[in-house]
């Protein structure tokens, strides 16, 4: 069953998949730095308000994944932000999060050396997210206008 990206249902699916992934557990063992936030820019053309997905990981344990208001992300230590199109390319396996940051295709707030040292964790999150059968907001709007 497909779930819509940037919804609580998608975040719940991500949590289940992250908890069950051995590579995520291995790569997050040394992560003690607080939540990692995936911030999604508003995309009014596709009916998407700015929002964020908070991923709570600590020492190999995925403690939670939840949808949060975009302005709540401002208070958190590690935020990776981008447009719907950028996140679609990340979760399609076309753009690694680390590469997106280094190429300025994704924005980052937080200690870049820490994120760089934990690049494999970011890659694992993207890989796991890609395994979720996802409906994207741009596809919903395009289908509605085509019909």
Protein backbone atom coordinates (compact mmCIF):
# COMPACT_ATOMS: atom_id res chain seq x y z
CA UNK A 1 0.00 0.00 0.00
CA UNK A 2 1.37 3.38 -1.01
CA UNK A 3 1.61 6.18 1.56
CA UNK A 4 1.90 9.89 0.89
CA UNK A 5 5.32 11.43 1.49
CA UNK A 6 5.61 13.88 4.39
CA UNK A 7 2.57 12.44 6.16
CA UNK A 8 2.49 10.91 9.64
CA UNK A 9 1.67 7.59 7.98
CA UNK A 10 4.89 7.86 5.91
CA UNK A 11 6.85 8.78 9.05
CA UNK A 12 5.37 5.76 10.86
CA UNK A 13 6.39 3.50 7.96
CA UNK A 14 9.88 4.98 8.04
CA UNK A 15 10.12 4.28 11.79
CA UNK A 16 9.17 0.62 11.34
CA UNK A 17 11.64 0.17 8.48
CA UNK A 18 14.49 1.98 10.28
CA UNK A 19 14.01 -0.11 13.44
CA UNK A 20 14.19 -3.29 11.41
CA UNK A 21 17.31 -2.36 9.44
CA UNK A 22 20.63 -3.83 10.61
CA UNK A 23 22.71 -1.20 8.81
CA UNK A 24 20.81 1.64 10.49
CA UNK A 25 21.45 0.04 13.89
CA UNK A 26 25.15 -0.42 13.09
CA UNK A 27 25.68 3.06 11.64
CA UNK A 28 23.79 4.83 14.41
CA UNK A 29 25.63 3.22 17.35
CA UNK A 30 27.86 6.30 17.70
CA UNK A 31 25.09 8.84 17.08
CA UNK A 32 24.52 10.76 20.34
CA UNK A 33 23.87 14.20 18.89
CA UNK A 34 20.10 14.55 18.95
CA UNK A 35 17.40 14.22 16.33
CA UNK A 36 18.02 14.45 12.61
CA UNK A 37 15.35 16.41 10.79
CA UNK A 38 14.30 16.08 7.16
CA UNK A 39 12.78 19.50 6.37
CA UNK A 40 10.53 19.73 3.33
CA UNK A 41 9.97 23.14 1.76
CA UNK A 42 6.47 24.36 1.02
CA UNK A 43 5.32 23.51 -2.48
CA UNK A 44 2.04 25.38 -2.99
CA UNK A 45 1.77 24.20 -6.60
CA UNK A 46 1.41 20.65 -5.28
CA UNK A 47 -0.56 21.47 -2.13
CA UNK A 48 2.31 20.85 0.28
CA UNK A 49 2.89 23.08 3.29
CA UNK A 50 6.38 23.30 4.76
CA UNK A 51 6.81 20.41 7.17
CA UNK A 52 9.51 18.27 8.73
CA UNK A 53 10.17 14.69 9.74
CA UNK A 54 12.02 14.30 13.03
CA UNK A 55 14.11 11.13 13.31
CA UNK A 56 15.18 10.37 16.88
CA UNK A 57 18.18 8.06 16.90
CA UNK A 58 20.46 7.43 19.86
CA UNK A 59 23.26 4.90 20.15
CA UNK A 60 21.81 2.43 17.66
CA UNK A 61 18.20 2.78 18.77
CA UNK A 62 15.56 4.45 16.61
CA UNK A 63 13.49 6.03 19.36
CA UNK A 64 10.90 7.62 17.13
CA UNK A 65 10.00 9.22 13.84
CA UNK A 66 7.33 11.88 13.70
CA UNK A 67 5.96 14.59 11.49
CA UNK A 68 6.53 18.01 13.09
CA UNK A 69 5.72 21.59 12.09
CA UNK A 70 8.47 23.19 10.01
CA UNK A 71 9.06 25.93 12.58
CA UNK A 72 9.70 23.30 15.29
CA UNK A 73 12.69 22.09 13.28
CA UNK A 74 14.39 25.45 13.85
CA UNK A 75 15.11 24.48 17.46
CA UNK A 76 16.71 21.13 16.65
CA UNK A 77 20.46 20.57 16.16
CA UNK A 78 20.60 18.79 12.78
CA UNK A 79 18.30 19.82 9.96
CA UNK A 80 18.66 18.81 6.32
CA UNK A 81 16.26 20.73 4.11
CA UNK A 82 15.16 20.75 0.54
CA UNK A 83 12.34 20.92 -1.94
CA UNK A 84 9.88 18.15 -2.65
CA UNK A 85 11.75 17.42 -5.88
CA UNK A 86 15.08 17.06 -4.02
CA UNK A 87 13.62 14.68 -1.44
CA UNK A 88 11.98 12.70 -4.21
CA UNK A 89 15.41 12.26 -5.83
CA UNK A 90 16.94 11.29 -2.46
CA UNK A 91 14.31 8.64 -1.75
CA UNK A 92 14.49 7.39 -5.34
CA UNK A 93 18.18 6.63 -4.84
CA UNK A 94 19.28 9.30 -7.32
CA UNK A 95 20.87 11.70 -4.80
CA UNK A 96 22.78 10.77 -1.66
CA UNK A 97 22.05 13.08 1.26
CA UNK A 98 25.75 13.75 1.82
CA UNK A 99 26.28 14.56 -1.85
CA UNK A 100 23.23 16.81 -1.84
CA UNK A 101 24.64 18.75 1.10
CA UNK A 102 28.11 19.07 -0.43
CA UNK A 103 26.66 20.13 -3.81
CA UNK A 104 24.32 22.68 -2.15
CA UNK A 105 21.31 20.79 -3.48
CA UNK A 106 20.17 20.25 0.12
CA UNK A 107 20.54 22.76 2.95
CA UNK A 108 22.02 21.78 6.26
CA UNK A 109 22.02 23.27 9.72
CA UNK A 110 24.21 21.60 12.28
CA UNK A 111 27.80 20.55 12.60
CA UNK A 112 28.87 19.51 9.10
CA UNK A 113 31.90 17.45 10.28
CA UNK A 114 29.58 15.41 12.53
CA UNK A 115 27.20 14.75 9.66
CA UNK A 116 30.11 13.89 7.38
CA UNK A 117 31.43 11.34 9.88
CA UNK A 118 27.96 9.78 9.97
CA UNK A 119 27.35 9.86 6.23
CA UNK A 120 26.69 6.10 6.18
CA UNK A 121 23.80 6.66 8.62
CA UNK A 122 22.32 9.32 6.32
CA UNK A 123 22.74 6.98 3.35
CA UNK A 124 21.02 4.17 5.27
CA UNK A 125 18.08 6.45 6.15
CA UNK A 126 17.71 7.37 2.46
CA UNK A 127 17.93 3.72 1.38
CA UNK A 128 15.31 2.68 3.92
CA UNK A 129 13.06 5.59 2.93
CA UNK A 130 13.38 4.49 -0.69
CA UNK A 131 11.95 1.08 0.25
CA UNK A 132 8.63 2.64 1.28
CA UNK A 133 6.01 2.57 -1.46
CA UNK A 134 5.49 6.32 -1.69
CA UNK A 135 2.97 8.56 -3.37
CA UNK A 136 4.42 12.00 -4.03
CA UNK A 137 2.37 15.19 -3.84
CA UNK A 138 3.39 16.22 -7.37
CA UNK A 139 2.04 12.92 -8.68
CA UNK A 140 -1.27 13.43 -6.85
CA UNK A 141 -1.76 16.88 -8.37
CA UNK A 142 -0.64 15.76 -11.83
CA UNK A 143 -3.07 12.82 -11.72
CA UNK A 144 -5.92 15.07 -10.57
CA UNK A 145 -5.33 17.59 -13.36
CA UNK A 146 -4.99 14.84 -15.98
CA UNK A 147 -8.31 13.29 -15.03
